[in-house]
C-alpha atoms as a PDB file:
ATOM      1  CA  GLU A   1      67.583 125.371 158.212  1.00  0.00           C
ATOM      2  CA  ILE A   2      64.815 128.346 157.718  1.00  0.00           C
ATOM      3  CA  LYS A   3      62.387 127.812 155.404  1.00  0.00           C
ATOM      4  CA  ASP A   4      59.444 130.595 154.986  1.00  0.00           C
ATOM      5  CA  GLY A   5      60.279 132.508 158.089  1.00  0.00           C
ATOM      6  CA  LYS A   6      60.050 129.116 159.741  1.00  0.00           C
ATOM      7  CA  LYS A   7      62.852 126.996 161.499  1.00  0.00           C
ATOM      8  CA  GLU A   8      62.745 123.441 159.532  1.00  0.00           C
ATOM      9  CA  GLU A   9      62.376 120.608 161.588  1.00  0.00           C
ATOM     10  CA  PRO A  10      65.827 118.138 160.614  1.00  0.00           C
ATOM     11  CA  GLN A  11      65.127 115.527 158.865  1.00  0.00           C
ATOM     12  CA  TRP A  12      66.553 112.708 161.163  1.00  0.00           C
ATOM     13  CA  LYS A  13      63.531 114.053 163.371  1.00  0.00           C
ATOM     14  CA  LYS A  14      60.810 113.560 161.213  1.00  0.00           C
ATOM     15  CA  ASN A  15      62.190 109.811 160.567  1.00  0.00           C
ATOM     16  CA  ALA A  16      61.924 109.067 164.382  1.00  0.00           C
ATOM     17  CA  GLN A  17      58.876 110.254 164.521  1.00  0.00           C
ATOM     18  CA  HIS A  18      57.271 109.119 161.915  1.00  0.00           C
ATOM     19  CA  MET A  19      59.523 105.390 163.061  1.00  0.00           C
ATOM     20  CA  LYS A  20      57.808 106.022 166.480  1.00  0.00           C
ATOM     21  CA  ALA A  21      54.335 106.426 165.035  1.00  0.00           C
ATOM     22  CA  MET A  22      54.736 103.054 162.916  1.00  0.00           C
ATOM     23  CA  ARG A  23      55.766 101.202 166.099  1.00  0.00           C
ATOM     24  CA  GLN A  24      53.194 102.146 167.846  1.00  0.00           C
ATOM     25  CA  ARG A  25      50.460 101.212 165.539  1.00  0.00           C
ATOM     26  CA  LEU A  26      52.209  97.674 165.115  1.00  0.00           C
ATOM     27  CA  LEU A  27      52.498  97.535 168.904  1.00  0.00           C
ATOM     28  CA  GLU A  28      48.587  98.431 168.771  1.00  0.00           C
ATOM     29  CA  LYS A  29      47.738  96.001 165.612  1.00  0.00           C
ATOM     30  CA  LEU A  30      49.512  93.132 166.938  1.00  0.00           C
ATOM     31  CA  VAL A  31      48.230  93.258 170.808  1.00  0.00           C
ATOM     32  CA  ARG A  32      44.316  94.424 170.208  1.00  0.00           C
ATOM     33  CA  GLN A  33      44.096  91.488 168.346  1.00  0.00           C
ATOM     34  CA  PRO A  34      40.745  89.835 168.784  1.00  0.00           C
ATOM     35  CA  PHE A  35      42.429  86.839 171.198  1.00  0.00           C
ATOM     36  CA  ASP A  36      41.826  86.746 174.957  1.00  0.00           C
ATOM     37  CA  ASP A  37      44.222  84.852 175.575  1.00  0.00           C
ATOM     38  CA  ILE A  38      47.445  86.473 174.381  1.00  0.00           C
ATOM     39  CA  VAL A  39      49.988  87.621 177.416  1.00  0.00           C
ATOM     40  CA  TRP A  40      52.745  90.129 175.962  1.00  0.00           C
ATOM     41  CA  ARG A  41      55.478  91.837 177.449  1.00  0.00           C
ATOM     42  CA  ILE A  42      57.703  94.953 175.943  1.00  0.00           C
ATOM     43  CA  ASN A  43      61.425  94.023 176.386  1.00  0.00           C
ATOM     44  CA  GLY A  44      63.067  97.403 176.869  1.00  0.00           C
ATOM     45  CA  PRO A  45      62.967 100.280 178.712  1.00  0.00           C
ATOM     46  CA  ALA A  46      58.880 100.755 178.924  1.00  0.00           C
ATOM     47  CA  ASN A  47      56.705 101.941 181.581  1.00  0.00           C
ATOM     48  CA  ASP A  48      53.981  99.714 181.276  1.00  0.00           C
ATOM     49  CA  ASP A  49      52.482  96.848 179.041  1.00  0.00           C
ATOM     50  CA  ASP A  50      51.677  99.218 176.186  1.00  0.00           C
ATOM     51  CA  ASP A  51      54.043 102.230 176.937  1.00  0.00           C
ATOM     52  CA  CYS A  52      57.440 102.312 174.305  1.00  0.00           C
ATOM     53  CA  SER A  53      57.975 105.910 175.229  1.00  0.00           C
ATOM     54  CA  ASN A  54      62.176 104.812 176.374  1.00  0.00           C
ATOM     55  CA  CYS A  55      62.266 102.902 173.228  1.00  0.00           C
ATOM     56  CA  LEU A  56      64.033 103.236 170.362  1.00  0.00           C
ATOM     57  CA  PRO A  57      62.015 104.531 167.316  1.00  0.00           C
ATOM     58  CA  ASN A  58      62.803 102.078 165.010  1.00  0.00           C
ATOM     59  CA  THR A  59      62.318  99.056 167.449  1.00  0.00           C
ATOM     60  CA  LEU A  60      59.876  96.665 168.471  1.00  0.00           C
ATOM     61  CA  SER A  61      61.228  94.089 170.953  1.00  0.00           C
ATOM     62  CA  ILE A  62      58.239  92.003 172.507  1.00  0.00           C
ATOM     63  CA  GLY A  63      57.682  88.826 174.067  1.00  0.00           C
ATOM     64  CA  ILE A  64      54.517  86.489 174.052  1.00  0.00           C
ATOM     65  CA  GLN A  65      53.419  84.217 176.051  1.00  0.00           C
ATOM     66  CA  GLY A  66      52.700  80.558 174.640  1.00  0.00           C
ATOM     67  CA  VAL A  67      54.500  81.357 171.243  1.00  0.00           C
ATOM     68  CA  HIS A  68      58.088  80.307 170.139  1.00  0.00           C
ATOM     69  CA  SER A  69      59.558  82.829 167.907  1.00  0.00           C
ATOM     70  CA  GLY A  70      61.549  80.103 166.063  1.00  0.00           C
ATOM     71  CA  GLU A  71      58.677  78.473 164.648  1.00  0.00           C
ATOM     72  CA  LEU A  72      57.329  81.607 164.427  1.00  0.00           C
ATOM     73  CA  LEU A  73      59.236  82.977 162.060  1.00  0.00           C
ATOM     74  CA  SER A  74      59.592  79.451 160.171  1.00  0.00           C
ATOM     75  CA  ASN A  75      55.638  79.711 159.638  1.00  0.00           C
ATOM     76  CA  VAL A  76      55.780  83.189 158.411  1.00  0.00           C
ATOM     77  CA  GLY A  77      58.286  82.367 156.102  1.00  0.00           C
ATOM     78  CA  ASN A  78      59.526  85.738 153.707  1.00  0.00           C
ATOM     79  CA  LYS A  79      56.075  87.487 154.416  1.00  0.00           C
ATOM     80  CA  VAL A  80      57.538  89.297 157.271  1.00  0.00           C
ATOM     81  CA  ALA A  81      60.933  90.502 157.936  1.00  0.00           C
ATOM     82  CA  CYS A  82      61.274  90.145 161.377  1.00  0.00           C
ATOM     83  CA  SER A  83      63.950  88.137 164.122  1.00  0.00           C
ATOM     84  CA  ALA A  84      63.662  86.181 166.987  1.00  0.00           C
ATOM     85  CA  GLY A  85      65.555  87.145 170.587  1.00  0.00           C
ATOM     86  CA  SER A  86      67.889  89.762 170.377  1.00  0.00           C
ATOM     87  CA  ALA A  87      70.067  91.669 167.628  1.00  0.00           C
ATOM     88  CA  CYS A  88      73.145  89.879 169.624  1.00  0.00           C
ATOM     89  CA  HIS A  89      71.516  86.229 169.618  1.00  0.00           C
ATOM     90  CA  ALA A  90      71.124  86.051 165.786  1.00  0.00           C
ATOM     91  CA  HIS A  91      74.042  83.122 165.207  1.00  0.00           C
ATOM     92  CA  SER A  92      73.702  81.553 168.942  1.00  0.00           C
ATOM     93  CA  THR A  93      72.920  78.293 169.720  1.00  0.00           C
ATOM     94  CA  GLN A  94      71.134  79.041 172.775  1.00  0.00           C
ATOM     95  CA  MET A  95      67.687  79.023 173.855  1.00  0.00           C
ATOM     96  CA  VAL A  96      67.474  82.752 174.861  1.00  0.00           C
ATOM     97  CA  SER A  97      69.154  85.594 173.986  1.00  0.00           C
ATOM     98  CA  PRO A  98      71.887  86.509 176.575  1.00  0.00           C
ATOM     99  CA  VAL A  99      70.801  90.304 175.849  1.00  0.00           C
ATOM    100  CA  LEU A 100      67.084  89.486 177.059  1.00  0.00           C
ATOM    101  CA  GLN A 101      68.938  87.115 179.958  1.00  0.00           C
ATOM    102  CA  ALA A 102      70.203  90.085 181.200  1.00  0.00           C
ATOM    103  CA  MET A 103      67.458  92.370 180.794  1.00  0.00           C
ATOM    104  CA  LYS A 104      65.459  90.296 182.951  1.00  0.00           C
ATOM    105  CA  VAL A 105      62.753  88.868 180.747  1.00  0.00           C
ATOM    106  CA  PRO A 106      61.124  85.727 182.546  1.00  0.00           C
ATOM    107  CA  LEU A 107      61.808  82.848 180.360  1.00  0.00           C
ATOM    108  CA  GLU A 108      58.163  82.198 178.976  1.00  0.00           C
ATOM    109  CA  PHE A 109      58.365  85.902 177.221  1.00  0.00           C
ATOM    110  CA  ALA A 110      62.055  85.057 176.140  1.00  0.00           C
ATOM    111  CA  VAL A 111      61.736  82.338 174.437  1.00  0.00           C
ATOM    112  CA  GLY A 112      58.353  84.070 172.331  1.00  0.00           C
ATOM    113  CA  THR A 113      60.091  87.746 171.516  1.00  0.00           C
ATOM    114  CA  LEU A 114      60.069  88.862 167.954  1.00  0.00           C
ATOM    115  CA  ARG A 115      62.559  91.477 167.080  1.00  0.00           C
ATOM    116  CA  LEU A 116      60.736  94.290 164.493  1.00  0.00           C
ATOM    117  CA  SER A 117      62.883  96.729 163.082  1.00  0.00           C
ATOM    118  CA  ILE A 118      60.746  99.600 161.312  1.00  0.00           C
ATOM    119  CA  GLY A 119      62.372 102.104 158.613  1.00  0.00           C
ATOM    120  CA  PRO A 120      61.784 105.338 157.679  1.00  0.00           C
ATOM    121  CA  HIS A 121      59.690 104.433 154.296  1.00  0.00           C
ATOM    122  CA  THR A 122      57.989 101.568 156.450  1.00  0.00           C
ATOM    123  CA  THR A 123      54.174 102.258 155.345  1.00  0.00           C
ATOM    124  CA  ILE A 124      50.983 102.012 156.987  1.00  0.00           C
ATOM    125  CA  GLN A 125      49.866  99.135 154.453  1.00  0.00           C
ATOM    126  CA  GLN A 126      53.419  97.776 155.161  1.00  0.00           C
ATOM    127  CA  ILE A 127      52.398  97.366 159.045  1.00  0.00           C
ATOM    128  CA  ASP A 128      48.997  96.756 158.723  1.00  0.00           C
ATOM    129  CA  THR A 129      50.275  93.899 156.610  1.00  0.00           C
ATOM    130  CA  ALA A 130      52.951  92.602 159.247  1.00  0.00           C
ATOM    131  CA  ALA A 131      50.852  92.836 161.947  1.00  0.00           C
ATOM    132  CA  SER A 132      48.058  90.855 160.358  1.00  0.00           C
ATOM    133  CA  VAL A 133      50.554  87.699 159.193  1.00  0.00           C
ATOM    134  CA  LEU A 134      52.063  87.819 162.500  1.00  0.00           C
ATOM    135  CA  SER A 135      48.802  88.004 164.682  1.00  0.00           C
ATOM    136  CA  HIS A 136      47.303  84.838 162.720  1.00  0.00           C
ATOM    137  CA  GLU A 137      50.478  83.010 163.408  1.00  0.00           C
ATOM    138  CA  ILE A 138      50.178  83.951 167.074  1.00  0.00           C
ATOM    139  CA  GLN A 139      46.650  82.786 167.084  1.00  0.00           C
ATOM    140  CA  ARG A 140      47.400  79.509 165.253  1.00  0.00           C
ATOM    141  CA  GLN A 141      50.116  78.651 167.746  1.00  0.00           C
ATOM    142  CA  LEU A 142      47.921  79.863 171.119  1.00  0.00           C
ATOM    143  CA  SER A 143      44.959  77.857 169.509  1.00  0.00           C
ATOM    144  CA  LEU A 144      47.365  74.531 169.203  1.00  0.00           C
ATOM    145  CA  ALA A 145      48.815  75.134 172.743  1.00  0.00           C
ATOM    146  CA  THR A 146      45.329  75.571 174.170  1.00  0.00           C
ATOM    147  CA  LYS A 147      44.159  72.047 172.059  1.00  0.00           C
ATOM    148  CA  LYS A 148      47.414  70.203 173.490  1.00  0.00           C
ATOM    149  CA  GLN A 149      46.084  71.176 177.372  1.00  0.00           C
ATOM    150  CA  SER A 150      42.508  69.820 176.672  1.00  0.00           C
ATOM    151  CA  PRO A 151      41.620  66.609 178.201  1.00  0.00           C
END
């Protein structure tokens, strides 16, 4: 469509750009929190630890070492809509998603995998709230694990 002599960008492209920006903000908020002991990885075709340029714009799949995603989901309740593992794993009783296994995600990251989806209407406030709630629970789990390991 041409508007005021300029070609208008298609809505799907605008949506994809928005979701990609929101996904990147969520990733940065989650992994840039003030804890030293977080070890994480992006599950997908990332080029390095925090480059999601080849990932879907609306999905973040992140594995966090030392975290159990099922417990995390139980503890955040309905404050954040997210899931553990992969979409193909939703009703499975397996500990680790076959998709994550096929992607060769190491077990210590697979059991701590969260899958978060972003929509075209997701706001910065929603991203920041989700990151805050999840970060608090991640920190809680990591500090409990550290206490269990201490003599």
